[in-house]
Amino acid sequence: MGADKILGVACLAAAAVLLAIVAFDVPYFKSVYFLRIDLAGAAASTSAAHQKTPYVDLGVLGYCTDLQNGLGLQCSPAKIGYSLSEASKYINGTLPSILSKGVNVAAAALTKALVLHLVALVVALVAFGFSLLALMGIPFIAECCADCFSGFAGATGFVVFVFDLAFFFIIKKRVNEQTGTSSAVMGNAIWLTLVAMILLFITPIMFMIGRCCGCAGKVGKVAYKPLH
């Protein structure tokens, strides 16, 4: 793998970074989340400057709430599988009906499936590691592994993206049906996941193009080798 494959390696690196940001969104990266729910039943906004009412942001490993009381974001501990029934301790009282009725679908059993984000991240990192070994001229097996793992990472990323759409769309729909307005809005994490998935899908194509160009270059050199 030569310089003609650097673009593929860069795609893998970018995808891995995006997957890491998404996998460790709220409560770690507090500006990255999948779904924002307005706790007052008003229209939610993805802009923090325009969000004037209390809200909760849902992520892969937990959630953060802001009661607009001057204390800022209060976040749950990060763990695999969480339930919004635990949010009462951060909301200082009984859960609002918008959480207790409309979002109980976010039970621990379902949110455990969000661990797929971590699986996709690990696969992307493994593919990136093999691609670096191949770029440095390590034996051919590294190049084959880079191709295989990048394809596997793309497939995993697709499964993760479809699950995110289905899972968070169900919550969004239930909340909005209960309030009669757009009290739940999709966050930026869903779009970061989409970009990462696209990068993972095009990476094997980049590797294939690089291999074809490399083979064509070698054939050309042999074909035009001067005779002595």
C-alpha atoms as a PDB file:
ATOM      1  CA  MET A   1       0.000   0.000   0.000  1.00  0.00           C
ATOM      2  CA  GLY A   2       1.602   3.241  -1.135  1.00  0.00           C
ATOM      3  CA  ALA A   3       0.819   6.898  -1.196  1.00  0.00           C
ATOM      4  CA  ASP A   4      -2.136   6.211  -3.487  1.00  0.00           C
ATOM      5  CA  LYS A   5      -3.927   4.576  -0.509  1.00  0.00           C
ATOM      6  CA  ILE A   6      -3.444   7.425   1.943  1.00  0.00           C
ATOM      7  CA  LEU A   7      -6.950   8.728   1.228  1.00  0.00           C
ATOM      8  CA  GLY A   8      -8.437   5.422   2.368  1.00  0.00           C
ATOM      9  CA  VAL A   9      -6.424   5.533   5.589  1.00  0.00           C
ATOM     10  CA  ALA A  10      -7.570   9.140   6.155  1.00  0.00           C
ATOM     11  CA  CYS A  11     -11.219   8.080   5.680  1.00  0.00           C
ATOM     12  CA  LEU A  12     -10.804   5.374   8.302  1.00  0.00           C
ATOM     13  CA  ALA A  13      -9.172   7.801  10.709  1.00  0.00           C
ATOM     14  CA  ALA A  14     -11.950  10.366  10.257  1.00  0.00           C
ATOM     15  CA  ALA A  15     -14.654   7.708  10.677  1.00  0.00           C
ATOM     16  CA  ALA A  16     -13.019   6.398  13.859  1.00  0.00           C
ATOM     17  CA  VAL A  17     -12.849   9.915  15.323  1.00  0.00           C
ATOM     18  CA  LEU A  18     -16.524  10.559  14.546  1.00  0.00           C
ATOM     19  CA  LEU A  19     -17.574   7.212  16.011  1.00  0.00           C
ATOM     20  CA  ALA A  20     -15.568   7.957  19.163  1.00  0.00           C
ATOM     21  CA  ILE A  21     -17.277  11.342  19.581  1.00  0.00           C
ATOM     22  CA  VAL A  22     -20.711   9.744  19.120  1.00  0.00           C
ATOM     23  CA  ALA A  23     -19.992   6.736  21.354  1.00  0.00           C
ATOM     24  CA  PHE A  24     -18.907   9.045  24.179  1.00  0.00           C
ATOM     25  CA  ASP A  25     -21.478  11.800  23.646  1.00  0.00           C
ATOM     26  CA  VAL A  26     -23.553  12.933  26.635  1.00  0.00           C
ATOM     27  CA  PRO A  27     -22.630  12.581  29.436  1.00  0.00           C
ATOM     28  CA  TYR A  28     -19.022  13.016  28.211  1.00  0.00           C
ATOM     29  CA  PHE A  29     -19.226  15.265  25.119  1.00  0.00           C
ATOM     30  CA  LYS A  30     -22.122  17.352  26.374  1.00  0.00           C
ATOM     31  CA  SER A  31     -22.749  19.185  23.106  1.00  0.00           C
ATOM     32  CA  VAL A  32     -23.283  15.913  21.216  1.00  0.00           C
ATOM     33  CA  TYR A  33     -26.549  14.008  21.717  1.00  0.00           C
ATOM     34  CA  PHE A  34     -29.106  11.929  19.827  1.00  0.00           C
ATOM     35  CA  LEU A  35     -32.391  13.318  21.079  1.00  0.00           C
ATOM     36  CA  ARG A  36     -33.425  16.444  22.998  1.00  0.00           C
ATOM     37  CA  ILE A  37     -36.731  16.448  24.884  1.00  0.00           C
ATOM     38  CA  ASP A  38     -38.297  19.640  26.207  1.00  0.00           C
ATOM     39  CA  LEU A  39     -39.495  18.815  29.731  1.00  0.00           C
ATOM     40  CA  ALA A  40     -42.080  21.611  29.713  1.00  0.00           C
ATOM     41  CA  GLY A  41     -43.838  20.204  26.649  1.00  0.00           C
ATOM     42  CA  ALA A  42     -42.857  23.229  24.553  1.00  0.00           C
ATOM     43  CA  ALA A  43     -41.099  23.130  21.192  1.00  0.00           C
ATOM     44  CA  ALA A  44     -37.511  21.964  21.668  1.00  0.00           C
ATOM     45  CA  SER A  45     -34.574  23.624  19.907  1.00  0.00           C
ATOM     46  CA  THR A  46     -31.239  22.104  18.916  1.00  0.00           C
ATOM     47  CA  SER A  47     -29.644  25.490  19.636  1.00  0.00           C
ATOM     48  CA  ALA A  48     -28.662  25.969  23.286  1.00  0.00           C
ATOM     49  CA  ALA A  49     -29.137  29.722  22.890  1.00  0.00           C
ATOM     50  CA  HIS A  50     -32.774  29.259  21.836  1.00  0.00           C
ATOM     51  CA  GLN A  51     -33.619  26.524  24.373  1.00  0.00           C
ATOM     52  CA  LYS A  52     -35.169  28.502  27.238  1.00  0.00           C
ATOM     53  CA  THR A  53     -37.142  25.728  28.958  1.00  0.00           C
ATOM     54  CA  PRO A  54     -35.877  22.646  30.879  1.00  0.00           C
ATOM     55  CA  TYR A  55     -34.749  19.754  28.706  1.00  0.00           C
ATOM     56  CA  VAL A  56     -33.002  16.392  28.685  1.00  0.00           C
ATOM     57  CA  ASP A  57     -30.466  15.171  26.094  1.00  0.00           C
ATOM     58  CA  LEU A  58     -30.169  11.431  25.397  1.00  0.00           C
ATOM     59  CA  GLY A  59     -26.895   9.773  24.414  1.00  0.00           C
ATOM     60  CA  VAL A  60     -25.310   6.329  24.094  1.00  0.00           C
ATOM     61  CA  LEU A  61     -24.155   5.880  27.682  1.00  0.00           C
ATOM     62  CA  GLY A  62     -26.487   8.238  29.534  1.00  0.00           C
ATOM     63  CA  TYR A  63     -28.214  11.601  29.460  1.00  0.00           C
ATOM     64  CA  CYS A  64     -27.917  15.185  30.701  1.00  0.00           C
ATOM     65  CA  THR A  65     -30.633  17.532  31.954  1.00  0.00           C
ATOM     66  CA  ASP A  66     -30.713  21.296  32.211  1.00  0.00           C
ATOM     67  CA  LEU A  67     -33.499  22.721  34.382  1.00  0.00           C
ATOM     68  CA  GLN A  68     -32.623  26.288  33.371  1.00  0.00           C
ATOM     69  CA  ASN A  69     -32.114  27.063  37.069  1.00  0.00           C
ATOM     70  CA  GLY A  70     -28.569  28.348  36.793  1.00  0.00           C
ATOM     71  CA  LEU A  71     -26.937  25.023  37.680  1.00  0.00           C
ATOM     72  CA  GLY A  72     -26.289  24.058  34.073  1.00  0.00           C
ATOM     73  CA  LEU A  73     -26.210  20.483  32.850  1.00  0.00           C
ATOM     74  CA  GLN A  74     -26.652  17.682  35.380  1.00  0.00           C
ATOM     75  CA  CYS A  75     -25.544  14.374  33.874  1.00  0.00           C
ATOM     76  CA  SER A  76     -26.134  10.737  34.748  1.00  0.00           C
ATOM     77  CA  PRO A  77     -23.220   8.344  35.319  1.00  0.00           C
ATOM     78  CA  ALA A  78     -21.993   6.740  32.120  1.00  0.00           C
ATOM     79  CA  LYS A  79     -23.071   3.110  31.791  1.00  0.00           C
ATOM     80  CA  ILE A  80     -24.297   0.596  29.254  1.00  0.00           C
ATOM     81  CA  GLY A  81     -28.082   0.558  29.456  1.00  0.00           C
ATOM     82  CA  TYR A  82     -29.944   3.305  31.277  1.00  0.00           C
ATOM     83  CA  SER A  83     -33.530   4.168  32.132  1.00  0.00           C
ATOM     84  CA  LEU A  84     -35.040   7.616  32.272  1.00  0.00           C
ATOM     85  CA  SER A  85     -36.959   6.537  35.387  1.00  0.00           C
ATOM     86  CA  GLU A  86     -33.699   7.348  37.174  1.00  0.00           C
ATOM     87  CA  ALA A  87     -33.849  10.957  35.997  1.00  0.00           C
ATOM     88  CA  SER A  88     -35.969  12.085  38.955  1.00  0.00           C
ATOM     89  CA  LYS A  89     -32.829  12.496  41.054  1.00  0.00           C
ATOM     90  CA  TYR A  90     -31.536  15.078  38.559  1.00  0.00           C
ATOM     91  CA  ILE A  91     -34.885  16.790  38.076  1.00  0.00           C
ATOM     92  CA  ASN A  92     -35.388  17.235  41.837  1.00  0.00           C
ATOM     93  CA  GLY A  93     -38.772  15.618  42.138  1.00  0.00           C
ATOM     94  CA  THR A  94     -41.378  13.553  40.340  1.00  0.00           C
ATOM     95  CA  LEU A  95     -40.784  12.855  36.685  1.00  0.00           C
ATOM     96  CA  PRO A  96     -42.756  15.107  34.330  1.00  0.00           C
ATOM     97  CA  SER A  97     -45.494  13.220  32.491  1.00  0.00           C
ATOM     98  CA  ILE A  98     -43.583  13.720  29.263  1.00  0.00           C
ATOM     99  CA  LEU A  99     -40.910  11.379  30.637  1.00  0.00           C
ATOM    100  CA  SER A 100     -42.945   9.046  32.809  1.00  0.00           C
ATOM    101  CA  LYS A 101     -45.452   8.252  30.043  1.00  0.00           C
ATOM    102  CA  GLY A 102     -43.963   9.081  26.677  1.00  0.00           C
ATOM    103  CA  VAL A 103     -40.375   7.890  27.043  1.00  0.00           C
ATOM    104  CA  ASN A 104     -40.554   4.724  29.097  1.00  0.00           C
ATOM    105  CA  VAL A 105     -39.576   2.970  25.889  1.00  0.00           C
ATOM    106  CA  ALA A 106     -36.038   4.113  26.774  1.00  0.00           C
ATOM    107  CA  ALA A 107     -35.714   1.214  29.202  1.00  0.00           C
ATOM    108  CA  ALA A 108     -32.360  -0.294  30.146  1.00  0.00           C
ATOM    109  CA  ALA A 109     -33.022  -3.394  28.023  1.00  0.00           C
ATOM    110  CA  LEU A 110     -33.255  -1.310  24.846  1.00  0.00           C
ATOM    111  CA  THR A 111     -30.538   1.212  25.631  1.00  0.00           C
ATOM    112  CA  LYS A 112     -28.099  -1.667  26.160  1.00  0.00           C
ATOM    113  CA  ALA A 113     -28.283  -2.176  22.397  1.00  0.00           C
ATOM    114  CA  LEU A 114     -26.597   1.218  22.019  1.00  0.00           C
ATOM    115  CA  VAL A 115     -23.370  -0.616  22.893  1.00  0.00           C
ATOM    116  CA  LEU A 116     -23.255  -1.294  19.140  1.00  0.00           C
ATOM    117  CA  HIS A 117     -21.676   2.146  18.892  1.00  0.00           C
ATOM    118  CA  LEU A 118     -18.710   0.923  20.902  1.00  0.00           C
ATOM    119  CA  VAL A 119     -18.511  -2.223  18.741  1.00  0.00           C
ATOM    120  CA  ALA A 120     -18.441  -0.109  15.561  1.00  0.00           C
ATOM    121  CA  LEU A 121     -15.726   2.079  17.083  1.00  0.00           C
ATOM    122  CA  VAL A 122     -13.537  -0.916  17.979  1.00  0.00           C
ATOM    123  CA  VAL A 123     -13.911  -2.437  14.500  1.00  0.00           C
ATOM    124  CA  ALA A 124     -13.049   0.908  12.865  1.00  0.00           C
ATOM    125  CA  LEU A 125      -9.959   1.257  15.081  1.00  0.00           C
ATOM    126  CA  VAL A 126      -8.805  -2.272  14.191  1.00  0.00           C
ATOM    127  CA  ALA A 127      -9.263  -1.504  10.480  1.00  0.00           C
ATOM    128  CA  PHE A 128      -7.330   1.747  10.916  1.00  0.00           C
ATOM    129  CA  GLY A 129      -4.508  -0.099  12.682  1.00  0.00           C
ATOM    130  CA  PHE A 130      -4.183  -2.644   9.860  1.00  0.00           C
ATOM    131  CA  SER A 131      -4.301   0.104   7.243  1.00  0.00           C
ATOM    132  CA  LEU A 132      -1.403   1.885   8.969  1.00  0.00           C
ATOM    133  CA  LEU A 133       0.618  -1.343   9.011  1.00  0.00           C
ATOM    134  CA  ALA A 134      -0.071  -1.841   5.320  1.00  0.00           C
ATOM    135  CA  LEU A 135       0.829   1.776   4.556  1.00  0.00           C
ATOM    136  CA  MET A 136       4.184   1.248   6.257  1.00  0.00           C
ATOM    137  CA  GLY A 137       4.907  -1.696   3.980  1.00  0.00           C
ATOM    138  CA  ILE A 138       4.140  -4.523   6.411  1.00  0.00           C
ATOM    139  CA  PRO A 139       3.383  -7.828   4.579  1.00  0.00           C
ATOM    140  CA  PHE A 140       0.379  -8.244   2.275  1.00  0.00           C
ATOM    141  CA  ILE A 141      -1.773  -9.793   5.035  1.00  0.00           C
ATOM    142  CA  ALA A 142      -2.104  -6.344   6.654  1.00  0.00           C
ATOM    143  CA  GLU A 143      -3.604  -4.918   3.455  1.00  0.00           C
ATOM    144  CA  CYS A 144      -6.113  -7.764   3.211  1.00  0.00           C
ATOM    145  CA  CYS A 145      -7.087  -7.339   6.869  1.00  0.00           C
ATOM    146  CA  ALA A 146      -7.489  -3.586   6.360  1.00  0.00           C
ATOM    147  CA  ASP A 147      -9.883  -4.238   3.469  1.00  0.00           C
ATOM    148  CA  CYS A 148     -11.864  -6.858   5.401  1.00  0.00           C
ATOM    149  CA  PHE A 149     -12.176  -4.862   8.599  1.00  0.00           C
ATOM    150  CA  SER A 150     -13.052  -1.639   6.784  1.00  0.00           C
ATOM    151  CA  GLY A 151     -15.896  -3.467   5.042  1.00  0.00           C
ATOM    152  CA  PHE A 152     -17.005  -5.005   8.331  1.00  0.00           C
ATOM    153  CA  ALA A 153     -16.836  -1.584   9.978  1.00  0.00           C
ATOM    154  CA  GLY A 154     -19.032  -0.164   7.215  1.00  0.00           C
ATOM    155  CA  ALA A 155     -21.622  -2.901   7.726  1.00  0.00           C
ATOM    156  CA  THR A 156     -21.542  -2.385  11.501  1.00  0.00           C
ATOM    157  CA  GLY A 157     -21.896   1.373  11.035  1.00  0.00           C
ATOM    158  CA  PHE A 158     -24.955   0.810   8.837  1.00  0.00           C
ATOM    159  CA  VAL A 159     -26.610  -1.420  11.469  1.00  0.00           C
ATOM    160  CA  VAL A 160     -25.874   1.170  14.164  1.00  0.00           C
ATOM    161  CA  PHE A 161     -27.313   4.010  12.066  1.00  0.00           C
ATOM    162  CA  VAL A 162     -30.523   2.084  11.294  1.00  0.00           C
ATOM    163  CA  PHE A 163     -30.963   1.189  14.976  1.00  0.00           C
ATOM    164  CA  ASP A 164     -30.426   4.817  16.015  1.00  0.00           C
ATOM    165  CA  LEU A 165     -33.037   6.031  13.549  1.00  0.00           C
ATOM    166  CA  ALA A 166     -35.588   3.453  14.665  1.00  0.00           C
ATOM    167  CA  PHE A 167     -34.982   3.716  18.411  1.00  0.00           C
ATOM    168  CA  PHE A 168     -34.797   7.478  18.786  1.00  0.00           C
ATOM    169  CA  PHE A 169     -37.514   8.080  16.196  1.00  0.00           C
ATOM    170  CA  ILE A 170     -39.908   5.949  18.292  1.00  0.00           C
ATOM    171  CA  ILE A 171     -39.168   8.062  21.371  1.00  0.00           C
ATOM    172  CA  LYS A 172     -39.443  11.279  19.370  1.00  0.00           C
ATOM    173  CA  LYS A 173     -42.790  10.237  17.901  1.00  0.00           C
ATOM    174  CA  ARG A 174     -44.259   9.228  21.275  1.00  0.00           C
ATOM    175  CA  VAL A 175     -43.223  12.471  22.929  1.00  0.00           C
ATOM    176  CA  ASN A 176     -44.519  14.663  20.099  1.00  0.00           C
ATOM    177  CA  GLU A 177     -47.817  12.768  19.981  1.00  0.00           C
ATOM    178  CA  GLN A 178     -48.286  13.378  23.699  1.00  0.00           C
ATOM    179  CA  THR A 179     -47.473  17.099  23.626  1.00  0.00           C
ATOM    180  CA  GLY A 180     -48.918  17.934  20.228  1.00  0.00           C
ATOM    181  CA  THR A 181     -45.808  19.886  19.271  1.00  0.00           C
ATOM    182  CA  SER A 182     -42.136  19.275  18.437  1.00  0.00           C
ATOM    183  CA  SER A 183     -41.051  18.718  22.037  1.00  0.00           C
ATOM    184  CA  ALA A 184     -38.477  16.147  20.909  1.00  0.00           C
ATOM    185  CA  VAL A 185     -35.894  16.865  18.204  1.00  0.00           C
ATOM    186  CA  MET A 186     -33.073  14.771  16.781  1.00  0.00           C
ATOM    187  CA  GLY A 187     -29.582  15.911  17.748  1.00  0.00           C
ATOM    188  CA  ASN A 188     -26.261  16.156  15.931  1.00  0.00           C
ATOM    189  CA  ALA A 189     -25.057  12.658  16.922  1.00  0.00           C
ATOM    190  CA  ILE A 190     -27.325  11.019  14.345  1.00  0.00           C
ATOM    191  CA  TRP A 191     -25.718  13.029  11.534  1.00  0.00           C
ATOM    192  CA  LEU A 192     -22.191  12.339  12.790  1.00  0.00           C
ATOM    193  CA  THR A 193     -23.047   8.635  12.722  1.00  0.00           C
ATOM    194  CA  LEU A 194     -24.304   8.992   9.145  1.00  0.00           C
ATOM    195  CA  VAL A 195     -21.077  10.694   8.011  1.00  0.00           C
ATOM    196  CA  ALA A 196     -18.975   8.024   9.737  1.00  0.00           C
ATOM    197  CA  MET A 197     -21.013   5.277   8.041  1.00  0.00           C
ATOM    198  CA  ILE A 198     -20.509   6.872   4.612  1.00  0.00           C
ATOM    199  CA  LEU A 199     -16.754   7.177   5.216  1.00  0.00           C
ATOM    200  CA  LEU A 200     -16.562   3.514   6.262  1.00  0.00           C
ATOM    201  CA  PHE A 201     -18.455   2.458   3.146  1.00  0.00           C
ATOM    202  CA  ILE A 202     -16.234   4.369   0.723  1.00  0.00           C
ATOM    203  CA  THR A 203     -12.968   3.310   2.377  1.00  0.00           C
ATOM    204  CA  PRO A 204     -12.825  -0.151   0.701  1.00  0.00           C
ATOM    205  CA  ILE A 205     -13.483   1.616  -2.612  1.00  0.00           C
ATOM    206  CA  MET A 206     -10.537   3.907  -1.948  1.00  0.00           C
ATOM    207  CA  PHE A 207      -8.331   0.897  -1.203  1.00  0.00           C
ATOM    208  CA  MET A 208      -9.527  -0.863  -4.362  1.00  0.00           C
ATOM    209  CA  ILE A 209      -8.830   2.187  -6.526  1.00  0.00           C
ATOM    210  CA  GLY A 210      -5.383   2.497  -4.978  1.00  0.00           C
ATOM    211  CA  ARG A 211      -4.638  -1.180  -5.624  1.00  0.00           C
ATOM    212  CA  CYS A 212      -5.815  -0.933  -9.240  1.00  0.00           C
ATOM    213  CA  CYS A 213      -3.739   2.194  -9.823  1.00  0.00           C
ATOM    214  CA  GLY A 214      -0.737   0.507  -8.274  1.00  0.00           C
ATOM    215  CA  CYS A 215      -1.155  -2.593 -10.438  1.00  0.00           C
ATOM    216  CA  ALA A 216      -1.663  -0.477 -13.564  1.00  0.00           C
ATOM    217  CA  GLY A 217       1.508   1.448 -12.789  1.00  0.00           C
ATOM    218  CA  LYS A 218       3.527  -1.760 -12.421  1.00  0.00           C
ATOM    219  CA  VAL A 219       2.123  -3.182 -15.664  1.00  0.00           C
ATOM    220  CA  GLY A 220       2.975   0.044 -17.456  1.00  0.00           C
ATOM    221  CA  LYS A 221       6.554  -0.049 -16.237  1.00  0.00           C
ATOM    222  CA  VAL A 222       6.944  -3.643 -17.401  1.00  0.00           C
ATOM    223  CA  ALA A 223       5.318  -2.930 -20.770  1.00  0.00           C
ATOM    224  CA  TYR A 224       7.579   0.006 -21.516  1.00  0.00           C
ATOM    225  CA  LYS A 225      10.776  -1.453 -20.101  1.00  0.00           C
ATOM    226  CA  PRO A 226      13.549  -0.571 -22.591  1.00  0.00           C
ATOM    227  CA  LEU A 227      15.301  -3.409 -24.370  1.00  0.00           C
ATOM    228  CA  HIS A 228      19.108  -3.641 -24.178  1.00  0.00           C
END
